[in-house]
């Protein structure tokens, strides 16, 4: 900064009514310009820091600068461009050799200590050869608090903001917030496909007891878990897909399908993603794009709608057909204990130890 700029700054200060009150001109006459400018810079920097801190607190997020991935993000949870760049880095780090990632989407309610996320992650640790899959799991956070919690418990985290909507609170089944959250998820998954990544999408209330990858079929585009398995893996008419667990390959057919699925929300306003999926699975457009869909057998990929009874075959279990996060968490914990008893080297696999104690808290009854 040259002397002319110094003098311009001083002129502004001296002519400012606020500073005239303090007779700044006398102060300037008493000290040299260097000290005055230094004092002014310190005053301005203090005000600027206060403004930035206040603004940051209003957004509810302090930057997490311990991770290099966050340096560019700088805690701006509404900056879509920075989010996208961060997502690219996280996906690249987490992907398998064939560009496959495991994805789950959570909000604050699901990531609180002791809630669903903790049970979900524990299942990877106690499952049969599943802990290594954590290296490929990306936890996608819908709000600030869930992102911060993810950073404290897992290595691959990505933010996913939705301008104007707060997804942090528990969203009960079929509420307006719940429906919007599910559609935001479909939109995001379509973006991942466009980036060239295959994905295994899993709800955070799905427990992983064995590696599911050997059970997938390479010739299929999309493989859905089911609420109820009808016996024929290709019967679109009778198939009962559940969007809470699926394996999707990235290709032109799946990219078109996810766009079609997302756009179809306008045709069925207020409907959740699974209802719309059932409505469009027989649409002529599916045949037109040549999409290959397979339904996964509940013997391997079970859920509370239709349990996997065989401990020796089960891969994952979903707490579907269950309303209420607290109910889900209780049964997730019980299911983990069941698995531990089954896997215990001292256990005798009798009829009691070889059967699930759940569902016992979960139900489709509305929460009062």
Foldseek 3Di string as FASTA:
>chain_A
DDPVVLVVVVVVQCPDPVNVVVVVVVVPVVDPSVVVVVVVVVVVVVVVVVVVVVVCVVQPAQQDVPDVLRPQVRGPLPPVVSLVVSVVVLQVQQADPQQEAEEEEDAQVQLPPLFLLVLQLVLQVQADVRVVNLSRYEYEYAGRNSQVSCVVPHDHYGYDYDPPDHLRDDDWPLDPSVQVVQLSVLVVVLVSLVVQHKYWYAYSLKRFRADCVVVDDPVAAKEFEALADPPFFQPLLPTGGDPRTMTGGRDPLVSVVSVVLSVCCVVVPSDHSSVSCNVCSPPVVNVVSPHGYTYDHCCAENEQSGHNQALVRHGMYGPPQFIDRVLSSVQSVQQVVLNCQLPDPPHDPDPVSSGGPDDPSGHNDDDD
